[in-house]
PDB file of N, CA and C in Angstrom:
ATOM      1  N   MET A   1      17.744  28.667 -42.545  1.00  0.00           N
ATOM      2  CA  MET A   1      16.171  28.673 -42.825  1.00  0.00           C
ATOM      3  C   MET A   1      15.868  27.198 -42.651  1.00  0.00           C
ATOM      4  N   GLU A   2      14.695  26.989 -41.964  1.00  0.00           N
ATOM      5  CA  GLU A   2      13.828  25.867 -41.878  1.00  0.00           C
ATOM      6  C   GLU A   2      12.751  25.856 -42.678  1.00  0.00           C
ATOM      7  N   ILE A   3      12.475  24.626 -43.248  1.00  0.00           N
ATOM      8  CA  ILE A   3      11.399  24.584 -44.204  1.00  0.00           C
ATOM      9  C   ILE A   3      10.512  23.352 -44.032  1.00  0.00           C
ATOM     10  N   LYS A   4       9.173  23.017 -44.319  1.00  0.00           N
ATOM     11  CA  LYS A   4       8.701  21.941 -44.426  1.00  0.00           C
ATOM     12  C   LYS A   4       7.539  21.909 -45.680  1.00  0.00           C
ATOM     13  N   GLN A   5       7.199  20.655 -45.860  1.00  0.00           N
ATOM     14  CA  GLN A   5       6.023  20.791 -46.989  1.00  0.00           C
ATOM     15  C   GLN A   5       4.774  21.241 -46.377  1.00  0.00           C
ATOM     16  N   ASN A   6       4.072  21.866 -47.376  1.00  0.00           N
ATOM     17  CA  ASN A   6       2.757  22.354 -47.027  1.00  0.00           C
ATOM     18  C   ASN A   6       1.832  21.144 -46.824  1.00  0.00           C
ATOM     19  N   PRO A   7       1.485  21.274 -45.645  1.00  0.00           N
ATOM     20  CA  PRO A   7       0.509  20.029 -45.329  1.00  0.00           C
ATOM     21  C   PRO A   7      -0.640  19.814 -46.521  1.00  0.00           C
ATOM     22  N   GLU A   8      -1.141  21.131 -47.036  1.00  0.00           N
ATOM     23  CA  GLU A   8      -2.275  20.968 -48.021  1.00  0.00           C
ATOM     24  C   GLU A   8      -1.852  20.568 -49.293  1.00  0.00           C
ATOM     25  N   ALA A   9      -0.702  20.450 -49.609  1.00  0.00           N
ATOM     26  CA  ALA A   9      -0.239  19.871 -50.864  1.00  0.00           C
ATOM     27  C   ALA A   9      -0.479  18.597 -51.257  1.00  0.00           C
ATOM     28  N   ILE A  10      -1.151  18.457 -52.515  1.00  0.00           N
ATOM     29  CA  ILE A  10      -1.814  17.204 -53.091  1.00  0.00           C
ATOM     30  C   ILE A  10      -0.561  16.390 -53.799  1.00  0.00           C
ATOM     31  N   TYR A  11      -0.215  15.374 -53.441  1.00  0.00           N
ATOM     32  CA  TYR A  11       0.857  14.714 -54.016  1.00  0.00           C
ATOM     33  C   TYR A  11       0.713  12.850 -53.931  1.00  0.00           C
ATOM     34  N   THR A  12       1.595  12.551 -54.904  1.00  0.00           N
ATOM     35  CA  THR A  12       1.632  11.058 -54.891  1.00  0.00           C
ATOM     36  C   THR A  12       3.135  10.584 -55.062  1.00  0.00           C
ATOM     37  N   GLU A  13       3.634   9.344 -54.948  1.00  0.00           N
ATOM     38  CA  GLU A  13       4.681   8.828 -55.399  1.00  0.00           C
ATOM     39  C   GLU A  13       4.491   7.809 -56.364  1.00  0.00           C
ATOM     40  N   LEU A  14       5.227   7.781 -57.447  1.00  0.00           N
ATOM     41  CA  LEU A  14       5.298   6.852 -58.545  1.00  0.00           C
ATOM     42  C   LEU A  14       6.526   6.317 -59.176  1.00  0.00           C
ATOM     43  N   GLU A  15       6.826   5.302 -58.874  1.00  0.00           N
ATOM     44  CA  GLU A  15       8.048   4.721 -59.270  1.00  0.00           C
ATOM     45  C   GLU A  15       9.265   5.582 -58.772  1.00  0.00           C
ATOM     46  N   GLY A  16       9.083   5.870 -57.479  1.00  0.00           N
ATOM     47  CA  GLY A  16      10.240   6.484 -57.022  1.00  0.00           C
ATOM     48  C   GLY A  16      10.202   8.032 -57.208  1.00  0.00           C
ATOM     49  N   LYS A  17       9.590   8.342 -57.891  1.00  0.00           N
ATOM     50  CA  LYS A  17       9.318  10.114 -58.391  1.00  0.00           C
ATOM     51  C   LYS A  17       7.897  10.734 -57.451  1.00  0.00           C
ATOM     52  N   ILE A  18       8.379  11.887 -57.094  1.00  0.00           N
ATOM     53  CA  ILE A  18       6.844  12.526 -56.515  1.00  0.00           C
ATOM     54  C   ILE A  18       6.423  13.217 -57.442  1.00  0.00           C
ATOM     55  N   ILE A  19       4.959  13.067 -57.622  1.00  0.00           N
ATOM     56  CA  ILE A  19       4.051  14.080 -58.505  1.00  0.00           C
ATOM     57  C   ILE A  19       3.108  14.888 -57.816  1.00  0.00           C
ATOM     58  N   ILE A  20       3.374  16.101 -57.826  1.00  0.00           N
ATOM     59  CA  ILE A  20       2.189  17.199 -57.345  1.00  0.00           C
ATOM     60  C   ILE A  20       1.160  17.547 -58.162  1.00  0.00           C
ATOM     61  N   LEU A  21      -0.074  17.587 -57.430  1.00  0.00           N
ATOM     62  CA  LEU A  21      -1.242  18.444 -58.437  1.00  0.00           C
ATOM     63  C   LEU A  21      -1.290  19.855 -57.760  1.00  0.00           C
ATOM     64  N   GLU A  22      -1.143  20.699 -58.789  1.00  0.00           N
ATOM     65  CA  GLU A  22      -1.395  22.062 -58.391  1.00  0.00           C
ATOM     66  C   GLU A  22      -2.813  22.363 -58.964  1.00  0.00           C
ATOM     67  N   ALA A  23      -4.035  21.990 -58.314  1.00  0.00           N
ATOM     68  CA  ALA A  23      -5.327  21.830 -58.932  1.00  0.00           C
ATOM     69  C   ALA A  23      -5.804  23.556 -59.279  1.00  0.00           C
ATOM     70  N   GLU A  24      -5.290  24.237 -58.507  1.00  0.00           N
ATOM     71  CA  GLU A  24      -5.742  25.505 -58.925  1.00  0.00           C
ATOM     72  C   GLU A  24      -5.062  25.971 -60.141  1.00  0.00           C
ATOM     73  N   LYS A  25      -3.958  25.859 -60.519  1.00  0.00           N
ATOM     74  CA  LYS A  25      -3.044  26.233 -61.556  1.00  0.00           C
ATOM     75  C   LYS A  25      -3.440  25.210 -62.801  1.00  0.00           C
ATOM     76  N   GLY A  26      -3.882  24.165 -62.382  1.00  0.00           N
ATOM     77  CA  GLY A  26      -4.167  23.051 -63.526  1.00  0.00           C
ATOM     78  C   GLY A  26      -2.829  22.687 -63.902  1.00  0.00           C
ATOM     79  N   GLU A  27      -1.770  22.493 -63.059  1.00  0.00           N
ATOM     80  CA  GLU A  27      -0.567  22.022 -63.473  1.00  0.00           C
ATOM     81  C   GLU A  27      -0.387  20.517 -62.600  1.00  0.00           C
ATOM     82  N   ILE A  28       0.563  19.785 -63.151  1.00  0.00           N
ATOM     83  CA  ILE A  28       1.215  18.632 -62.546  1.00  0.00           C
ATOM     84  C   ILE A  28       2.631  18.765 -62.697  1.00  0.00           C
ATOM     85  N   LEU A  29       3.174  18.569 -61.348  1.00  0.00           N
ATOM     86  CA  LEU A  29       4.889  18.814 -61.385  1.00  0.00           C
ATOM     87  C   LEU A  29       5.311  17.135 -61.165  1.00  0.00           C
ATOM     88  N   THR A  30       6.399  16.789 -62.121  1.00  0.00           N
ATOM     89  CA  THR A  30       6.714  15.468 -61.627  1.00  0.00           C
ATOM     90  C   THR A  30       8.425  15.940 -61.232  1.00  0.00           C
ATOM     91  N   PHE A  31       8.759  15.618 -59.993  1.00  0.00           N
ATOM     92  CA  PHE A  31      10.119  15.635 -59.713  1.00  0.00           C
ATOM     93  C   PHE A  31      10.934  14.707 -59.909  1.00  0.00           C
ATOM     94  N   ASN A  32      12.274  14.873 -60.334  1.00  0.00           N
ATOM     95  CA  ASN A  32      13.215  13.939 -60.754  1.00  0.00           C
ATOM     96  C   ASN A  32      13.616  13.261 -59.377  1.00  0.00           C
ATOM     97  N   GLU A  33      14.865  12.559 -59.421  1.00  0.00           N
ATOM     98  CA  GLU A  33      15.328  11.814 -58.270  1.00  0.00           C
ATOM     99  C   GLU A  33      15.800  12.600 -56.993  1.00  0.00           C
ATOM    100  N   THR A  34      16.473  13.592 -57.160  1.00  0.00           N
ATOM    101  CA  THR A  34      16.795  14.361 -56.378  1.00  0.00           C
ATOM    102  C   THR A  34      15.832  15.227 -55.477  1.00  0.00           C
ATOM    103  N   ALA A  35      15.030  15.866 -56.356  1.00  0.00           N
ATOM    104  CA  ALA A  35      13.839  16.606 -55.979  1.00  0.00           C
ATOM    105  C   ALA A  35      12.972  15.926 -55.198  1.00  0.00           C
ATOM    106  N   SER A  36      12.646  14.572 -55.463  1.00  0.00           N
ATOM    107  CA  SER A  36      11.704  13.839 -54.713  1.00  0.00           C
ATOM    108  C   SER A  36      12.445  13.433 -53.592  1.00  0.00           C
ATOM    109  N   PHE A  37      13.740  13.477 -53.402  1.00  0.00           N
ATOM    110  CA  PHE A  37      14.487  13.168 -52.199  1.00  0.00           C
ATOM    111  C   PHE A  37      14.390  14.380 -51.280  1.00  0.00           C
ATOM    112  N   ILE A  38      14.616  15.591 -51.861  1.00  0.00           N
ATOM    113  CA  ILE A  38      14.214  16.601 -50.641  1.00  0.00           C
ATOM    114  C   ILE A  38      12.755  16.918 -50.458  1.00  0.00           C
ATOM    115  N   TRP A  39      11.930  16.417 -51.214  1.00  0.00           N
ATOM    116  CA  TRP A  39      10.565  16.528 -50.827  1.00  0.00           C
ATOM    117  C   TRP A  39      10.310  15.416 -49.615  1.00  0.00           C
ATOM    118  N   ARG A  40      10.760  14.310 -49.631  1.00  0.00           N
ATOM    119  CA  ARG A  40      10.640  13.140 -48.909  1.00  0.00           C
ATOM    120  C   ARG A  40      11.094  13.816 -47.614  1.00  0.00           C
ATOM    121  N   LYS A  41      12.299  14.283 -47.378  1.00  0.00           N
ATOM    122  CA  LYS A  41      13.148  14.762 -46.329  1.00  0.00           C
ATOM    123  C   LYS A  41      12.458  16.021 -45.859  1.00  0.00           C
ATOM    124  N   SER A  42      11.449  16.750 -46.443  1.00  0.00           N
ATOM    125  CA  SER A  42      10.942  18.022 -45.978  1.00  0.00           C
ATOM    126  C   SER A  42       9.453  17.545 -45.221  1.00  0.00           C
ATOM    127  N   LYS A  43       9.356  16.450 -45.150  1.00  0.00           N
ATOM    128  CA  LYS A  43       8.060  15.924 -44.638  1.00  0.00           C
ATOM    129  C   LYS A  43       7.699  16.764 -43.061  1.00  0.00           C
ATOM    130  N   ARG A  44       8.830  16.754 -42.608  1.00  0.00           N
ATOM    131  CA  ARG A  44       8.734  17.122 -41.212  1.00  0.00           C
ATOM    132  C   ARG A  44       9.890  18.436 -41.221  1.00  0.00           C
ATOM    133  N   THR A  45       9.471  19.154 -40.506  1.00  0.00           N
ATOM    134  CA  THR A  45      10.652  20.536 -40.564  1.00  0.00           C
ATOM    135  C   THR A  45      12.103  20.465 -40.535  1.00  0.00           C
ATOM    136  N   ILE A  46      12.730  20.865 -41.237  1.00  0.00           N
ATOM    137  CA  ILE A  46      14.209  20.602 -41.754  1.00  0.00           C
ATOM    138  C   ILE A  46      15.002  21.815 -41.995  1.00  0.00           C
ATOM    139  N   GLU A  47      16.116  21.861 -41.465  1.00  0.00           N
ATOM    140  CA  GLU A  47      17.002  23.053 -41.987  1.00  0.00           C
ATOM    141  C   GLU A  47      17.644  22.820 -43.322  1.00  0.00           C
ATOM    142  N   VAL A  48      17.757  23.938 -44.181  1.00  0.00           N
ATOM    143  CA  VAL A  48      18.067  23.856 -45.589  1.00  0.00           C
ATOM    144  C   VAL A  48      19.564  23.264 -45.410  1.00  0.00           C
ATOM    145  N   LYS A  49      20.422  23.772 -44.521  1.00  0.00           N
ATOM    146  CA  LYS A  49      21.886  23.097 -44.657  1.00  0.00           C
ATOM    147  C   LYS A  49      21.719  21.622 -44.382  1.00  0.00           C
ATOM    148  N   LYS A  50      20.816  21.148 -43.668  1.00  0.00           N
ATOM    149  CA  LYS A  50      20.796  19.764 -43.494  1.00  0.00           C
ATOM    150  C   LYS A  50      20.502  18.986 -44.600  1.00  0.00           C
ATOM    151  N   LEU A  51      19.501  19.536 -45.462  1.00  0.00           N
ATOM    152  CA  LEU A  51      19.123  19.050 -46.589  1.00  0.00           C
ATOM    153  C   LEU A  51      20.367  18.999 -47.527  1.00  0.00           C
ATOM    154  N   ILE A  52      20.983  20.026 -47.651  1.00  0.00           N
ATOM    155  CA  ILE A  52      22.598  19.990 -48.417  1.00  0.00           C
ATOM    156  C   ILE A  52      23.168  19.018 -48.138  1.00  0.00           C
ATOM    157  N   ASP A  53      23.603  18.831 -46.922  1.00  0.00           N
ATOM    158  CA  ASP A  53      24.336  17.727 -46.512  1.00  0.00           C
ATOM    159  C   ASP A  53      23.815  16.282 -46.665  1.00  0.00           C
ATOM    160  N   GLU A  54      22.765  16.134 -46.501  1.00  0.00           N
ATOM    161  CA  GLU A  54      21.959  15.067 -46.706  1.00  0.00           C
ATOM    162  C   GLU A  54      21.933  14.457 -48.271  1.00  0.00           C
ATOM    163  N   LEU A  55      22.019  15.635 -48.929  1.00  0.00           N
ATOM    164  CA  LEU A  55      21.976  15.410 -50.502  1.00  0.00           C
ATOM    165  C   LEU A  55      23.292  15.064 -50.938  1.00  0.00           C
ATOM    166  N   CYS A  56      24.209  15.527 -50.371  1.00  0.00           N
ATOM    167  CA  CYS A  56      25.672  15.382 -50.467  1.00  0.00           C
ATOM    168  C   CYS A  56      26.047  14.004 -50.381  1.00  0.00           C
ATOM    169  N   ARG A  57      25.517  13.372 -49.232  1.00  0.00           N
ATOM    170  CA  ARG A  57      25.776  12.277 -48.998  1.00  0.00           C
ATOM    171  C   ARG A  57      25.177  11.033 -49.706  1.00  0.00           C
ATOM    172  N   GLU A  58      23.952  11.337 -49.990  1.00  0.00           N
ATOM    173  CA  GLU A  58      23.149  10.243 -50.967  1.00  0.00           C
ATOM    174  C   GLU A  58      23.432  10.234 -52.186  1.00  0.00           C
ATOM    175  N   PHE A  59      23.930  11.242 -52.694  1.00  0.00           N
ATOM    176  CA  PHE A  59      24.007  11.606 -54.398  1.00  0.00           C
ATOM    177  C   PHE A  59      25.550  11.684 -54.567  1.00  0.00           C
ATOM    178  N   LYS A  60      26.346  11.715 -53.578  1.00  0.00           N
ATOM    179  CA  LYS A  60      27.885  11.999 -53.828  1.00  0.00           C
ATOM    180  C   LYS A  60      28.112  12.964 -54.513  1.00  0.00           C
ATOM    181  N   VAL A  61      27.721  14.093 -54.320  1.00  0.00           N
ATOM    182  CA  VAL A  61      27.740  15.530 -55.382  1.00  0.00           C
ATOM    183  C   VAL A  61      28.443  16.239 -54.142  1.00  0.00           C
ATOM    184  N   GLU A  62      28.924  17.457 -55.041  1.00  0.00           N
ATOM    185  CA  GLU A  62      30.015  18.621 -54.200  1.00  0.00           C
ATOM    186  C   GLU A  62      28.992  19.252 -53.280  1.00  0.00           C
ATOM    187  N   LYS A  63      29.451  19.890 -52.150  1.00  0.00           N
ATOM    188  CA  LYS A  63      28.625  20.741 -51.595  1.00  0.00           C
ATOM    189  C   LYS A  63      28.128  21.950 -52.297  1.00  0.00           C
ATOM    190  N   LYS A  64      29.058  22.417 -52.983  1.00  0.00           N
ATOM    191  CA  LYS A  64      28.681  23.522 -53.903  1.00  0.00           C
ATOM    192  C   LYS A  64      27.414  23.385 -54.728  1.00  0.00           C
ATOM    193  N   VAL A  65      27.628  22.117 -55.477  1.00  0.00           N
ATOM    194  CA  VAL A  65      26.596  21.931 -56.635  1.00  0.00           C
ATOM    195  C   VAL A  65      25.283  21.621 -55.523  1.00  0.00           C
ATOM    196  N   ALA A  66      25.340  20.711 -54.705  1.00  0.00           N
ATOM    197  CA  ALA A  66      24.286  20.560 -53.939  1.00  0.00           C
ATOM    198  C   ALA A  66      23.368  21.791 -53.306  1.00  0.00           C
ATOM    199  N   ALA A  67      24.151  22.786 -52.684  1.00  0.00           N
ATOM    200  CA  ALA A  67      23.570  24.048 -52.207  1.00  0.00           C
ATOM    201  C   ALA A  67      22.988  24.555 -53.269  1.00  0.00           C
ATOM    202  N   LYS A  68      23.496  24.813 -54.375  1.00  0.00           N
ATOM    203  CA  LYS A  68      22.874  25.589 -55.623  1.00  0.00           C
ATOM    204  C   LYS A  68      21.520  24.890 -55.955  1.00  0.00           C
ATOM    205  N   ASP A  69      21.701  23.532 -56.266  1.00  0.00           N
ATOM    206  CA  ASP A  69      20.493  22.906 -56.654  1.00  0.00           C
ATOM    207  C   ASP A  69      19.224  23.154 -55.372  1.00  0.00           C
ATOM    208  N   VAL A  70      19.870  22.570 -54.017  1.00  0.00           N
ATOM    209  CA  VAL A  70      18.674  22.745 -52.968  1.00  0.00           C
ATOM    210  C   VAL A  70      17.916  24.071 -52.874  1.00  0.00           C
ATOM    211  N   GLN A  71      18.967  25.286 -52.833  1.00  0.00           N
ATOM    212  CA  GLN A  71      18.372  26.465 -52.783  1.00  0.00           C
ATOM    213  C   GLN A  71      17.457  26.839 -53.836  1.00  0.00           C
ATOM    214  N   GLY A  72      17.709  26.413 -55.106  1.00  0.00           N
ATOM    215  CA  GLY A  72      16.820  26.841 -55.972  1.00  0.00           C
ATOM    216  C   GLY A  72      15.565  26.179 -55.984  1.00  0.00           C
ATOM    217  N   LEU A  73      15.433  24.863 -55.672  1.00  0.00           N
ATOM    218  CA  LEU A  73      14.502  24.146 -55.570  1.00  0.00           C
ATOM    219  C   LEU A  73      13.465  24.816 -54.366  1.00  0.00           C
ATOM    220  N   VAL A  74      14.185  24.851 -53.143  1.00  0.00           N
ATOM    221  CA  VAL A  74      13.491  25.561 -52.313  1.00  0.00           C
ATOM    222  C   VAL A  74      12.895  26.756 -52.391  1.00  0.00           C
ATOM    223  N   LYS A  75      13.319  27.711 -53.346  1.00  0.00           N
ATOM    224  CA  LYS A  75      13.168  29.042 -53.368  1.00  0.00           C
ATOM    225  C   LYS A  75      11.768  28.834 -54.335  1.00  0.00           C
ATOM    226  N   SER A  76      11.964  27.902 -55.193  1.00  0.00           N
ATOM    227  CA  SER A  76      10.729  27.727 -56.359  1.00  0.00           C
ATOM    228  C   SER A  76       9.464  27.085 -55.367  1.00  0.00           C
ATOM    229  N   LEU A  77       9.880  26.327 -54.785  1.00  0.00           N
ATOM    230  CA  LEU A  77       8.620  25.535 -54.039  1.00  0.00           C
ATOM    231  C   LEU A  77       7.865  26.462 -52.759  1.00  0.00           C
ATOM    232  N   ILE A  78       8.759  27.302 -52.298  1.00  0.00           N
ATOM    233  CA  ILE A  78       8.230  28.368 -51.472  1.00  0.00           C
ATOM    234  C   ILE A  78       7.273  29.412 -52.206  1.00  0.00           C
ATOM    235  N   ARG A  79       7.863  29.702 -53.395  1.00  0.00           N
ATOM    236  CA  ARG A  79       6.903  30.760 -54.274  1.00  0.00           C
ATOM    237  C   ARG A  79       5.682  29.989 -54.731  1.00  0.00           C
ATOM    238  N   ARG A  80       5.568  28.618 -54.871  1.00  0.00           N
ATOM    239  CA  ARG A  80       4.400  27.995 -55.516  1.00  0.00           C
ATOM    240  C   ARG A  80       3.526  27.620 -54.239  1.00  0.00           C
ATOM    241  N   GLY A  81       4.217  27.872 -52.819  1.00  0.00           N
ATOM    242  CA  GLY A  81       3.390  27.690 -51.954  1.00  0.00           C
ATOM    243  C   GLY A  81       3.209  26.040 -51.470  1.00  0.00           C
ATOM    244  N   LEU A  82       4.351  25.502 -52.063  1.00  0.00           N
ATOM    245  CA  LEU A  82       4.514  23.925 -51.644  1.00  0.00           C
ATOM    246  C   LEU A  82       5.156  23.511 -50.415  1.00  0.00           C
ATOM    247  N   PHE A  83       6.156  24.497 -50.322  1.00  0.00           N
ATOM    248  CA  PHE A  83       7.137  24.611 -48.905  1.00  0.00           C
ATOM    249  C   PHE A  83       6.807  25.893 -48.201  1.00  0.00           C
ATOM    250  N   LEU A  84       6.676  25.384 -46.859  1.00  0.00           N
ATOM    251  CA  LEU A  84       6.559  26.925 -45.745  1.00  0.00           C
ATOM    252  C   LEU A  84       7.833  27.012 -44.987  1.00  0.00           C
ATOM    253  N   LYS A  85       8.066  28.388 -44.877  1.00  0.00           N
ATOM    254  CA  LYS A  85       9.006  28.492 -43.835  1.00  0.00           C
ATOM    255  C   LYS A  85       8.735  28.334 -42.541  1.00  0.00           C
ATOM    256  N   ALA A  86       9.408  27.397 -41.767  1.00  0.00           N
ATOM    257  CA  ALA A  86       9.048  26.993 -40.368  1.00  0.00           C
ATOM    258  C   ALA A  86       9.664  27.959 -39.413  1.00  0.00           C
TER     259      ALA A  86
END
């Protein structure tokens, strides 16, 4: 599956972490280091498998762990409308 950031998402980066404003819900999301890494990589359309591979290289984690984390975050952000299936 390919995904990308929703171009309408309102976000900023502060001290290396992504902060997203969900104005309609009145919520602010603050991403940790790995979620921020995934967000930055998804600025352009990217294959989820590639995200997993890049996360493994960047953070030296096992592929099984990375796959679980990436897939969980991607599903959550698609539900919230912050990621789009490309």
